[in-house]
């Protein structure tokens, strides 16, 4: 069971960047299932762009899907989590 306390958004971003540690980042905010679906979709989109576009453009576009989109969602959901469990 996840601890019901605020999480550090900065650490969440670091966890998303490190391979396989992103699972822990989504688990901490109880969005693991959605995080796995997001990872599958971003992986498939990244592979598609690498196959369609030539080398430097395909790689750059795939980075957008592999890194930036999961970071956006983990920051958004971590902030929502922190608002829900903020201790004042």
Protein backbone atom coordinates (compact mmCIF):
# COMPACT_ATOMS: atom_id res chain seq x y z
CA UNK A 1 0.00 0.00 0.00
CA UNK A 2 1.22 3.47 -0.85
CA UNK A 3 1.90 6.00 1.91
CA UNK A 4 -0.67 8.79 1.78
CA UNK A 5 1.78 11.70 1.95
CA UNK A 6 3.02 14.35 -0.50
CA UNK A 7 5.79 13.37 -2.93
CA UNK A 8 8.69 15.41 -4.24
CA UNK A 9 7.93 16.43 -7.81
CA UNK A 10 11.65 16.82 -8.54
CA UNK A 11 12.40 13.25 -7.48
CA UNK A 12 9.43 12.03 -9.47
CA UNK A 13 10.94 13.59 -12.61
CA UNK A 14 14.32 11.95 -11.86
CA UNK A 15 12.59 8.59 -11.39
CA UNK A 16 10.85 8.92 -14.77
CA UNK A 17 14.14 9.62 -16.56
CA UNK A 18 15.88 6.52 -15.14
CA UNK A 19 14.89 3.34 -17.00
CA UNK A 20 12.60 0.98 -15.04
CA UNK A 21 12.51 3.32 -12.05
CA UNK A 22 9.59 5.14 -13.69
CA UNK A 23 7.47 2.25 -12.40
CA UNK A 24 8.15 3.38 -8.83
CA UNK A 25 7.31 6.99 -9.70
CA UNK A 26 3.87 6.04 -11.00
CA UNK A 27 3.35 3.59 -8.12
CA UNK A 28 3.97 6.33 -5.52
CA UNK A 29 1.05 8.37 -6.84
CA UNK A 30 -1.22 5.34 -7.45
CA UNK A 31 -1.18 5.72 -11.25
CA UNK A 32 0.78 2.56 -12.08
CA UNK A 33 -1.76 1.09 -14.50
CA UNK A 34 -2.14 4.33 -16.40
CA UNK A 35 1.65 4.75 -16.33
CA UNK A 36 2.18 1.35 -17.92
CA UNK A 37 -0.37 2.13 -20.63
CA UNK A 38 1.33 5.49 -21.19
CA UNK A 39 4.72 3.75 -21.46
CA UNK A 40 3.40 1.28 -24.03
CA UNK A 41 1.81 4.03 -26.11
CA UNK A 42 4.91 6.24 -25.95
CA UNK A 43 7.16 3.32 -26.89
CA UNK A 44 5.03 2.41 -29.90
CA UNK A 45 4.83 6.05 -31.00
CA UNK A 46 8.60 6.45 -30.61
CA UNK A 47 9.31 3.33 -32.64
CA UNK A 48 6.90 4.48 -35.33
CA UNK A 49 8.58 7.85 -35.68
CA UNK A 50 12.02 6.22 -35.81
CA UNK A 51 10.85 4.04 -38.68
CA UNK A 52 9.16 6.88 -40.59
CA UNK A 53 11.65 9.74 -40.19
CA UNK A 54 15.36 9.69 -41.11
CA UNK A 55 18.00 9.21 -38.41
CA UNK A 56 18.44 12.48 -36.56
CA UNK A 57 14.80 13.53 -36.81
CA UNK A 58 13.39 10.16 -35.83
CA UNK A 59 15.64 9.94 -32.79
CA UNK A 60 14.74 13.44 -31.64
CA UNK A 61 11.05 12.82 -32.08
CA UNK A 62 11.22 9.53 -30.22
CA UNK A 63 12.86 11.30 -27.26
CA UNK A 64 9.80 13.51 -27.06
CA UNK A 65 7.63 10.44 -26.66
CA UNK A 66 9.99 8.47 -24.40
CA UNK A 67 10.92 11.23 -21.96
CA UNK A 68 8.99 14.47 -22.22
CA UNK A 69 5.43 13.13 -22.37
CA UNK A 70 5.83 10.84 -19.30
CA UNK A 71 7.49 13.72 -17.43
CA UNK A 72 4.51 15.95 -18.22
CA UNK A 73 2.03 13.43 -16.84
CA UNK A 74 4.04 12.49 -13.75
CA UNK A 75 4.44 16.18 -12.84
CA UNK A 76 0.74 16.83 -13.39
CA UNK A 77 -0.38 13.80 -11.37
CA UNK A 78 2.21 14.37 -8.62
CA UNK A 79 0.94 17.92 -8.12
CA UNK A 80 -2.64 16.62 -7.93
CA UNK A 81 -1.48 13.98 -5.42
CA UNK A 82 0.26 16.62 -3.32
CA UNK A 83 -2.85 18.82 -3.30
CA UNK A 84 -4.93 15.87 -2.13
CA UNK A 85 -2.58 14.96 0.75
CA UNK A 86 -1.15 18.34 1.68
CA UNK A 87 -0.74 18.71 5.44
CA UNK A 88 -1.57 22.23 6.64
